[in-house]
Amino acid sequence: MSEFHIGDAINGFLKKSHLNNGVRAVQIEEIWEKLMGKTIAKYTDKIKIFNKKLYIQTAVGPLKNELQYQKPQIIARVNEAFGETVIEEVIIS
């Protein structure tokens, strides 16, 4: 029987299960302010990840417009923060 670290076992389980999306959704909410800044985080109503798509919801029109222009940077920042390709598309509503 081989030895595993508990963290490696949990990561392996999450990668094989459907729970990974839920864990990523919680993690993105925790790091959103760090990635995008306090102002954007303050006016972001809801954020979630589903099927490699990052959904950002805000009621502020100018912020929606600014986020539209920053989609490539948002994708790069999020993927860099997680160290893997977590999102491939950003949808703003």
C-alpha atoms as a PDB file:
ATOM      1  CA  MET A   1       0.000   0.000   0.000  1.00  0.00           C
ATOM      2  CA  SER A   2       1.442   3.392  -0.955  1.00  0.00           C
ATOM      3  CA  GLU A   3       1.362   6.509   1.189  1.00  0.00           C
ATOM      4  CA  PHE A   4      -0.503   9.701   0.296  1.00  0.00           C
ATOM      5  CA  HIS A   5      -0.667  13.030   2.008  1.00  0.00           C
ATOM      6  CA  ILE A   6      -4.202  13.932   3.024  1.00  0.00           C
ATOM      7  CA  GLY A   7      -4.074  17.097   0.891  1.00  0.00           C
ATOM      8  CA  ASP A   8      -3.080  15.099  -2.192  1.00  0.00           C
ATOM      9  CA  ALA A   9      -5.887  12.622  -1.561  1.00  0.00           C
ATOM     10  CA  ILE A  10      -8.468  15.399  -1.196  1.00  0.00           C
ATOM     11  CA  ASN A  11      -7.231  17.175  -4.332  1.00  0.00           C
ATOM     12  CA  GLY A  12      -7.383  13.925  -6.266  1.00  0.00           C
ATOM     13  CA  PHE A  13     -10.925  13.296  -5.066  1.00  0.00           C
ATOM     14  CA  LEU A  14     -12.059  16.814  -5.966  1.00  0.00           C
ATOM     15  CA  LYS A  15     -10.610  16.568  -9.476  1.00  0.00           C
ATOM     16  CA  LYS A  16     -12.565  13.368 -10.110  1.00  0.00           C
ATOM     17  CA  SER A  17     -15.819  14.519  -8.538  1.00  0.00           C
ATOM     18  CA  HIS A  18     -18.370  17.179  -9.415  1.00  0.00           C
ATOM     19  CA  LEU A  19     -17.642  18.979  -6.147  1.00  0.00           C
ATOM     20  CA  ASN A  20     -14.703  20.774  -7.733  1.00  0.00           C
ATOM     21  CA  ASN A  21     -16.981  23.430  -9.302  1.00  0.00           C
ATOM     22  CA  GLY A  22     -18.504  24.209  -5.915  1.00  0.00           C
ATOM     23  CA  VAL A  23     -15.121  24.501  -4.266  1.00  0.00           C
ATOM     24  CA  ARG A  24     -13.863  26.778  -7.054  1.00  0.00           C
ATOM     25  CA  ALA A  25     -16.959  28.967  -6.695  1.00  0.00           C
ATOM     26  CA  VAL A  26     -16.229  29.503  -3.009  1.00  0.00           C
ATOM     27  CA  GLN A  27     -12.549  30.117  -3.688  1.00  0.00           C
ATOM     28  CA  ILE A  28     -13.245  32.712  -6.404  1.00  0.00           C
ATOM     29  CA  GLU A  29     -15.501  34.649  -4.026  1.00  0.00           C
ATOM     30  CA  GLU A  30     -12.717  34.673  -1.440  1.00  0.00           C
ATOM     31  CA  ILE A  31     -10.023  35.985  -3.810  1.00  0.00           C
ATOM     32  CA  TRP A  32     -12.172  38.249  -6.016  1.00  0.00           C
ATOM     33  CA  GLU A  33     -11.276  41.439  -4.126  1.00  0.00           C
ATOM     34  CA  LYS A  34      -7.579  40.588  -4.243  1.00  0.00           C
ATOM     35  CA  LEU A  35      -7.729  39.911  -7.989  1.00  0.00           C
ATOM     36  CA  MET A  36      -9.895  42.828  -9.083  1.00  0.00           C
ATOM     37  CA  GLY A  37      -9.619  45.437  -6.348  1.00  0.00           C
ATOM     38  CA  LYS A  38     -11.932  46.736  -3.641  1.00  0.00           C
ATOM     39  CA  THR A  39     -14.081  48.951  -5.874  1.00  0.00           C
ATOM     40  CA  ILE A  40     -14.968  46.230  -8.366  1.00  0.00           C
ATOM     41  CA  ALA A  41     -15.515  43.687  -5.575  1.00  0.00           C
ATOM     42  CA  LYS A  42     -17.790  46.127  -3.738  1.00  0.00           C
ATOM     43  CA  TYR A  43     -20.093  46.543  -6.734  1.00  0.00           C
ATOM     44  CA  THR A  44     -20.074  42.902  -7.827  1.00  0.00           C
ATOM     45  CA  ASP A  45     -23.391  41.401  -6.714  1.00  0.00           C
ATOM     46  CA  LYS A  46     -22.752  37.753  -7.536  1.00  0.00           C
ATOM     47  CA  ILE A  47     -19.920  35.693  -8.969  1.00  0.00           C
ATOM     48  CA  LYS A  48     -19.812  32.005  -9.807  1.00  0.00           C
ATOM     49  CA  ILE A  49     -17.979  29.459 -11.918  1.00  0.00           C
ATOM     50  CA  PHE A  50     -19.830  26.832 -13.921  1.00  0.00           C
ATOM     51  CA  ASN A  51     -18.509  24.760 -16.843  1.00  0.00           C
ATOM     52  CA  LYS A  52     -15.313  26.817 -17.149  1.00  0.00           C
ATOM     53  CA  LYS A  53     -17.357  30.021 -17.397  1.00  0.00           C
ATOM     54  CA  LEU A  54     -17.095  32.839 -14.880  1.00  0.00           C
ATOM     55  CA  TYR A  55     -20.442  34.560 -14.347  1.00  0.00           C
ATOM     56  CA  ILE A  56     -20.247  38.091 -12.937  1.00  0.00           C
ATOM     57  CA  GLN A  57     -23.412  39.909 -11.949  1.00  0.00           C
ATOM     58  CA  THR A  58     -23.551  43.643 -11.221  1.00  0.00           C
ATOM     59  CA  ALA A  59     -26.219  46.319 -11.393  1.00  0.00           C
ATOM     60  CA  VAL A  60     -23.715  49.096 -12.173  1.00  0.00           C
ATOM     61  CA  GLY A  61     -23.770  49.920 -15.892  1.00  0.00           C
ATOM     62  CA  PRO A  62     -20.320  51.541 -16.159  1.00  0.00           C
ATOM     63  CA  LEU A  63     -18.777  48.587 -14.302  1.00  0.00           C
ATOM     64  CA  LYS A  64     -20.393  46.151 -16.743  1.00  0.00           C
ATOM     65  CA  ASN A  65     -18.878  48.110 -19.604  1.00  0.00           C
ATOM     66  CA  GLU A  66     -15.415  48.175 -17.990  1.00  0.00           C
ATOM     67  CA  LEU A  67     -15.547  44.437 -17.253  1.00  0.00           C
ATOM     68  CA  GLN A  68     -16.439  43.732 -20.898  1.00  0.00           C
ATOM     69  CA  TYR A  69     -13.117  45.280 -21.931  1.00  0.00           C
ATOM     70  CA  GLN A  70     -11.202  43.409 -19.227  1.00  0.00           C
ATOM     71  CA  LYS A  71     -12.398  39.880 -20.047  1.00  0.00           C
ATOM     72  CA  PRO A  72      -9.000  38.594 -21.256  1.00  0.00           C
ATOM     73  CA  GLN A  73      -7.265  40.030 -18.194  1.00  0.00           C
ATOM     74  CA  ILE A  74      -9.897  38.555 -15.863  1.00  0.00           C
ATOM     75  CA  ILE A  75      -9.435  35.107 -17.405  1.00  0.00           C
ATOM     76  CA  ALA A  76      -5.657  35.374 -17.098  1.00  0.00           C
ATOM     77  CA  ARG A  77      -5.780  36.588 -13.467  1.00  0.00           C
ATOM     78  CA  VAL A  78      -8.198  33.900 -12.301  1.00  0.00           C
ATOM     79  CA  ASN A  79      -6.348  31.088 -14.051  1.00  0.00           C
ATOM     80  CA  GLU A  80      -3.031  32.354 -12.700  1.00  0.00           C
ATOM     81  CA  ALA A  81      -4.439  32.524  -9.165  1.00  0.00           C
ATOM     82  CA  PHE A  82      -5.568  28.895  -9.346  1.00  0.00           C
ATOM     83  CA  GLY A  83      -2.484  27.694 -11.219  1.00  0.00           C
ATOM     84  CA  GLU A  84      -4.548  25.963 -13.885  1.00  0.00           C
ATOM     85  CA  THR A  85      -7.182  26.688 -16.508  1.00  0.00           C
ATOM     86  CA  VAL A  86     -10.290  27.154 -14.407  1.00  0.00           C
ATOM     87  CA  ILE A  87     -12.197  29.495 -16.728  1.00  0.00           C
ATOM     88  CA  GLU A  88     -12.214  29.976 -20.463  1.00  0.00           C
ATOM     89  CA  GLU A  89     -15.002  32.541 -20.778  1.00  0.00           C
ATOM     90  CA  VAL A  90     -16.418  35.470 -18.789  1.00  0.00           C
ATOM     91  CA  ILE A  91     -20.124  36.306 -18.878  1.00  0.00           C
ATOM     92  CA  ILE A  92     -21.272  39.620 -17.430  1.00  0.00           C
ATOM     93  CA  SER A  93     -24.874  40.389 -16.577  1.00  0.00           C
END
